[in-house]
N, C-alpha and C. Protein backbone atom coordinates (compact mmCIF):
# COMPACT_ATOMS: atom_id res chain seq x y z
N UNK A 1 0.85 -1.18 -0.01
CA UNK A 1 -0.01 0.00 -0.01
C UNK A 1 0.90 1.25 -0.02
N UNK A 2 0.57 2.20 -0.77
CA UNK A 2 1.30 3.48 -0.88
C UNK A 2 1.35 4.09 0.53
N UNK A 3 2.53 4.64 0.95
CA UNK A 3 2.69 5.17 2.27
C UNK A 3 1.74 6.34 2.52
N UNK A 4 1.54 7.21 1.56
CA UNK A 4 0.65 8.35 1.70
C UNK A 4 -0.80 7.90 1.93
N UNK A 5 -1.19 6.89 1.18
CA UNK A 5 -2.55 6.37 1.32
C UNK A 5 -2.63 5.66 2.68
N UNK A 6 -1.61 4.90 3.06
CA UNK A 6 -1.63 4.23 4.33
C UNK A 6 -1.72 5.23 5.47
N UNK A 7 -0.96 6.31 5.41
CA UNK A 7 -1.05 7.29 6.48
C UNK A 7 -2.39 7.92 6.56
N UNK A 8 -2.96 8.29 5.43
CA UNK A 8 -4.25 8.97 5.44
C UNK A 8 -5.39 8.05 5.89
N UNK A 9 -5.23 6.74 5.73
CA UNK A 9 -6.31 5.86 6.16
C UNK A 9 -6.24 5.47 7.63
N UNK A 10 -5.10 5.71 8.27
CA UNK A 10 -4.99 5.29 9.69
C UNK A 10 -5.01 6.47 10.63
N UNK A 11 -5.11 7.73 10.18
CA UNK A 11 -5.12 8.82 11.07
C UNK A 11 -6.39 8.95 11.84
N UNK A 12 -6.20 9.33 13.11
CA UNK A 12 -7.33 9.80 13.92
C UNK A 12 -6.91 11.20 14.38
N UNK A 13 -7.83 11.96 14.93
CA UNK A 13 -7.51 13.33 15.35
C UNK A 13 -6.46 13.23 16.46
N UNK A 14 -5.50 14.23 16.46
CA UNK A 14 -4.48 14.29 17.46
C UNK A 14 -5.04 15.03 18.64
N UNK A 15 -4.34 14.89 19.79
CA UNK A 15 -4.64 15.77 20.96
C UNK A 15 -4.99 14.97 22.15
N UNK A 16 -5.61 15.69 23.09
CA UNK A 16 -6.00 15.10 24.37
C UNK A 16 -7.46 14.68 24.25
N UNK A 17 -8.04 14.37 25.39
CA UNK A 17 -9.48 13.96 25.43
C UNK A 17 -9.69 12.72 24.61
N UNK A 18 -8.73 11.77 24.69
CA UNK A 18 -8.94 10.47 24.00
C UNK A 18 -8.49 10.51 22.55
N UNK A 19 -8.09 11.64 21.98
CA UNK A 19 -7.63 11.68 20.62
C UNK A 19 -6.23 11.07 20.52
N UNK A 20 -5.98 10.48 19.37
CA UNK A 20 -4.68 9.87 19.16
C UNK A 20 -4.16 10.25 17.80
N UNK A 21 -2.84 10.14 17.62
CA UNK A 21 -2.24 10.31 16.31
C UNK A 21 -1.58 9.00 15.99
N UNK A 22 -1.78 8.52 14.78
CA UNK A 22 -1.13 7.31 14.33
C UNK A 22 -0.16 7.68 13.23
N UNK A 23 1.11 7.62 13.57
CA UNK A 23 2.19 7.92 12.63
C UNK A 23 2.45 6.69 11.81
N UNK A 24 2.94 6.92 10.56
CA UNK A 24 3.36 5.78 9.78
C UNK A 24 4.54 5.13 10.51
N UNK A 25 4.79 3.87 10.20
CA UNK A 25 5.90 3.18 10.86
C UNK A 25 7.23 3.87 10.58
N UNK A 26 7.41 4.40 9.37
CA UNK A 26 8.63 5.12 9.00
C UNK A 26 8.81 6.38 9.87
N UNK A 27 7.71 7.15 10.03
CA UNK A 27 7.76 8.34 10.84
C UNK A 27 8.04 8.01 12.28
N UNK A 28 7.32 7.01 12.82
CA UNK A 28 7.51 6.62 14.20
C UNK A 28 8.94 6.17 14.44
N UNK A 29 9.50 5.32 13.58
CA UNK A 29 10.88 4.89 13.73
C UNK A 29 11.86 6.06 13.70
N UNK A 30 11.62 7.06 12.86
CA UNK A 30 12.47 8.23 12.74
C UNK A 30 12.44 8.98 14.06
N UNK A 31 11.24 9.22 14.60
CA UNK A 31 11.13 9.97 15.83
C UNK A 31 11.73 9.19 17.00
N UNK A 32 11.49 7.92 17.10
CA UNK A 32 12.06 7.13 18.19
C UNK A 32 13.57 7.09 18.11
N UNK A 33 14.13 6.96 16.87
CA UNK A 33 15.55 6.99 16.70
C UNK A 33 16.15 8.31 17.19
N UNK A 34 15.54 9.43 16.82
CA UNK A 34 16.03 10.73 17.25
C UNK A 34 15.98 10.86 18.78
N UNK A 35 14.89 10.37 19.34
CA UNK A 35 14.72 10.48 20.82
C UNK A 35 15.72 9.56 21.52
N UNK A 36 16.06 8.43 20.97
CA UNK A 36 17.09 7.55 21.55
C UNK A 36 18.44 8.25 21.53
N UNK A 37 18.74 8.91 20.43
CA UNK A 37 20.02 9.65 20.37
C UNK A 37 20.05 10.78 21.38
N UNK A 38 18.93 11.48 21.54
CA UNK A 38 18.87 12.58 22.52
C UNK A 38 19.02 12.02 23.94
N UNK A 39 18.42 10.89 24.20
CA UNK A 39 18.50 10.27 25.50
C UNK A 39 19.97 9.93 25.79
N UNK A 40 20.69 9.41 24.78
CA UNK A 40 22.10 9.14 24.96
C UNK A 40 22.92 10.41 25.21
N UNK A 41 22.57 11.46 24.50
CA UNK A 41 23.27 12.75 24.70
C UNK A 41 23.05 13.27 26.11
N UNK A 42 21.87 13.11 26.67
CA UNK A 42 21.58 13.53 28.00
C UNK A 42 22.36 12.74 29.05
N UNK A 43 22.44 11.45 28.80
CA UNK A 43 23.28 10.61 29.69
C UNK A 43 24.75 11.06 29.60
N UNK A 44 25.17 11.41 28.40
CA UNK A 44 26.54 11.92 28.20
C UNK A 44 26.78 13.21 28.99
N UNK A 45 25.80 14.12 28.97
CA UNK A 45 25.99 15.36 29.76
C UNK A 45 26.09 15.07 31.24
N UNK A 46 25.24 14.12 31.70
CA UNK A 46 25.29 13.69 33.09
C UNK A 46 26.69 13.25 33.43
N UNK A 47 27.25 12.43 32.53
CA UNK A 47 28.60 11.94 32.74
C UNK A 47 29.65 13.05 32.75
N UNK A 48 29.45 14.08 31.91
CA UNK A 48 30.35 15.20 31.89
C UNK A 48 30.34 15.96 33.24
N UNK A 49 29.13 16.10 33.74
CA UNK A 49 29.00 16.77 35.03
C UNK A 49 29.66 15.98 36.13
N UNK A 50 29.43 14.64 36.10
CA UNK A 50 30.07 13.79 37.10
C UNK A 50 31.62 13.82 37.01
N UNK A 51 32.14 14.09 35.85
CA UNK A 51 33.63 14.17 35.69
C UNK A 51 34.15 15.57 35.79
N UNK A 52 33.30 16.50 36.22
CA UNK A 52 33.70 17.87 36.39
C UNK A 52 34.27 18.50 35.10
N UNK A 53 33.66 18.19 33.98
CA UNK A 53 34.09 18.70 32.70
C UNK A 53 33.87 20.21 32.63
N UNK A 54 34.75 20.89 31.93
CA UNK A 54 34.68 22.33 31.79
C UNK A 54 33.27 22.78 31.37
N UNK A 55 32.76 23.78 32.07
CA UNK A 55 31.34 24.20 31.83
C UNK A 55 31.01 24.55 30.39
N UNK A 56 31.92 25.20 29.69
CA UNK A 56 31.62 25.56 28.27
C UNK A 56 31.38 24.35 27.47
N UNK A 57 32.12 23.26 27.66
CA UNK A 57 31.97 22.05 26.91
C UNK A 57 30.61 21.42 27.21
N UNK A 58 30.18 21.48 28.48
CA UNK A 58 28.86 20.95 28.85
C UNK A 58 27.76 21.77 28.23
N UNK A 59 27.89 23.11 28.30
CA UNK A 59 26.90 23.99 27.72
C UNK A 59 26.73 23.78 26.20
N UNK A 60 27.86 23.51 25.50
CA UNK A 60 27.77 23.24 24.09
C UNK A 60 27.00 21.94 23.83
N UNK A 61 27.20 20.95 24.70
CA UNK A 61 26.47 19.71 24.52
C UNK A 61 24.96 19.91 24.78
N UNK A 62 24.64 20.74 25.79
CA UNK A 62 23.23 21.05 26.06
C UNK A 62 22.60 21.78 24.86
N UNK A 63 23.35 22.67 24.24
CA UNK A 63 22.86 23.37 23.08
C UNK A 63 22.57 22.39 21.94
N UNK A 64 23.38 21.43 21.77
CA UNK A 64 23.20 20.37 20.79
C UNK A 64 21.92 19.56 21.07
N UNK A 65 21.71 19.25 22.33
CA UNK A 65 20.51 18.51 22.73
C UNK A 65 19.23 19.33 22.43
N UNK A 66 19.30 20.61 22.79
CA UNK A 66 18.17 21.49 22.55
C UNK A 66 17.84 21.57 21.05
N UNK A 67 18.86 21.68 20.28
CA UNK A 67 18.68 21.69 18.80
C UNK A 67 18.02 20.38 18.29
N UNK A 68 18.49 19.28 18.81
CA UNK A 68 17.91 17.98 18.42
C UNK A 68 16.45 17.85 18.84
N UNK A 69 16.11 18.33 20.04
CA UNK A 69 14.74 18.33 20.49
C UNK A 69 13.85 19.25 19.65
N UNK A 70 14.42 20.40 19.27
CA UNK A 70 13.68 21.30 18.38
C UNK A 70 13.37 20.62 17.04
N UNK A 71 14.31 19.83 16.56
CA UNK A 71 14.11 19.08 15.30
C UNK A 71 12.95 18.10 15.42
N UNK A 72 12.87 17.41 16.54
CA UNK A 72 11.77 16.46 16.75
C UNK A 72 10.45 17.22 16.85
N UNK A 73 10.52 18.37 17.57
CA UNK A 73 9.31 19.18 17.66
C UNK A 73 8.80 19.69 16.35
N UNK A 74 9.71 20.13 15.48
CA UNK A 74 9.33 20.63 14.16
C UNK A 74 8.74 19.50 13.32
N UNK A 75 9.29 18.32 13.38
CA UNK A 75 8.77 17.21 12.69
C UNK A 75 7.37 16.83 13.08
N UNK A 76 7.13 16.81 14.42
CA UNK A 76 5.82 16.48 14.94
C UNK A 76 4.83 17.61 14.66
N UNK A 77 5.28 18.87 14.73
CA UNK A 77 4.40 19.98 14.39
C UNK A 77 3.94 19.93 12.98
N UNK A 78 4.88 19.66 12.04
CA UNK A 78 4.54 19.55 10.66
C UNK A 78 3.50 18.45 10.39
N UNK A 79 3.73 17.30 10.98
CA UNK A 79 2.80 16.18 10.88
C UNK A 79 1.47 16.54 11.44
N UNK A 80 1.42 17.19 12.56
CA UNK A 80 0.20 17.58 13.25
C UNK A 80 -0.60 18.57 12.35
N UNK A 81 0.09 19.51 11.78
CA UNK A 81 -0.60 20.51 10.95
C UNK A 81 -1.15 19.90 9.67
N UNK A 82 -0.38 19.03 9.04
CA UNK A 82 -0.81 18.42 7.78
C UNK A 82 -1.83 17.35 7.89
N UNK A 83 -2.04 16.87 9.09
CA UNK A 83 -3.04 15.80 9.26
C UNK A 83 -4.09 16.20 10.27
N UNK A 84 -3.77 16.22 11.53
CA UNK A 84 -4.74 16.42 12.58
C UNK A 84 -5.49 17.75 12.46
N UNK A 85 -4.74 18.84 12.27
CA UNK A 85 -5.33 20.15 12.22
C UNK A 85 -6.25 20.26 11.00
N UNK A 86 -5.78 19.78 9.85
CA UNK A 86 -6.61 19.84 8.66
C UNK A 86 -7.92 19.01 8.88
N UNK A 87 -7.77 17.83 9.41
CA UNK A 87 -8.93 16.97 9.62
C UNK A 87 -9.94 17.65 10.56
N UNK A 88 -9.47 18.24 11.64
CA UNK A 88 -10.38 18.87 12.60
C UNK A 88 -11.03 20.12 12.00
N UNK A 89 -10.30 20.83 11.18
CA UNK A 89 -10.91 22.02 10.51
C UNK A 89 -11.98 21.55 9.56
N UNK A 90 -11.73 20.49 8.83
CA UNK A 90 -12.70 19.94 7.93
C UNK A 90 -13.96 19.45 8.64
N UNK A 91 -13.78 19.03 9.89
CA UNK A 91 -14.91 18.61 10.75
C UNK A 91 -15.58 19.77 11.44
N UNK A 92 -15.13 21.00 11.15
CA UNK A 92 -15.77 22.20 11.71
C UNK A 92 -15.29 22.57 13.07
N UNK A 93 -14.18 21.93 13.52
CA UNK A 93 -13.64 22.17 14.84
C UNK A 93 -12.58 23.33 14.79
N UNK A 94 -13.09 24.54 14.61
CA UNK A 94 -12.23 25.70 14.46
C UNK A 94 -11.42 26.05 15.69
N UNK A 95 -11.78 25.53 16.86
CA UNK A 95 -11.01 25.79 18.06
C UNK A 95 -9.61 25.13 17.98
N UNK A 96 -9.42 24.29 17.01
CA UNK A 96 -8.14 23.64 16.84
C UNK A 96 -7.03 24.74 16.53
N UNK A 97 -7.45 25.82 15.97
CA UNK A 97 -6.51 26.92 15.67
C UNK A 97 -5.96 27.51 16.92
N UNK A 98 -6.80 27.80 17.94
CA UNK A 98 -6.35 28.32 19.23
C UNK A 98 -5.47 27.31 19.87
N UNK A 99 -5.83 26.02 19.81
CA UNK A 99 -5.00 24.98 20.42
C UNK A 99 -3.59 24.96 19.74
N UNK A 100 -3.58 25.06 18.43
CA UNK A 100 -2.33 25.08 17.66
C UNK A 100 -1.46 26.26 18.04
N UNK A 101 -2.07 27.43 18.14
CA UNK A 101 -1.32 28.65 18.53
C UNK A 101 -0.73 28.54 19.92
N UNK A 102 -1.46 27.97 20.83
CA UNK A 102 -0.95 27.73 22.19
C UNK A 102 0.26 26.81 22.16
N UNK A 103 0.16 25.74 21.36
CA UNK A 103 1.21 24.78 21.27
C UNK A 103 2.48 25.44 20.64
N UNK A 104 2.28 26.21 19.59
CA UNK A 104 3.41 26.87 18.93
C UNK A 104 4.06 27.90 19.88
N UNK A 105 3.28 28.57 20.69
CA UNK A 105 3.87 29.48 21.67
C UNK A 105 4.69 28.73 22.70
N UNK A 106 4.27 27.57 23.10
CA UNK A 106 5.02 26.75 24.08
C UNK A 106 6.35 26.28 23.40
N UNK A 107 6.28 25.89 22.18
CA UNK A 107 7.48 25.39 21.47
C UNK A 107 8.48 26.49 21.26
N UNK A 108 8.02 27.72 21.17
CA UNK A 108 8.93 28.84 20.85
C UNK A 108 9.56 29.51 22.10
N UNK A 109 9.23 29.00 23.28
CA UNK A 109 9.78 29.55 24.52
C UNK A 109 11.29 29.31 24.59
């Protein structure tokens, strides 16, 4: 089955209140892989702190982790906008725009 068709047939609305998002296996594997790398980076920073590593080196590693997390956030935001938000708008749920704006504001802090 074509990935685009597969994705569009398995989506449910994203969000809370029982809503779920079903990512394609490819997308889910990509996100999990990124999060696993980030998890390893965080453990690495913990080790740097335990070894009394020079602060600037630790801060540079933290910056790298923040960038990686931002990448995951951007990927999820894009998926959310292209699927869940569009679906909810088509269903007449215009409040999804306020929800999306709140989420974007949180991501941009």
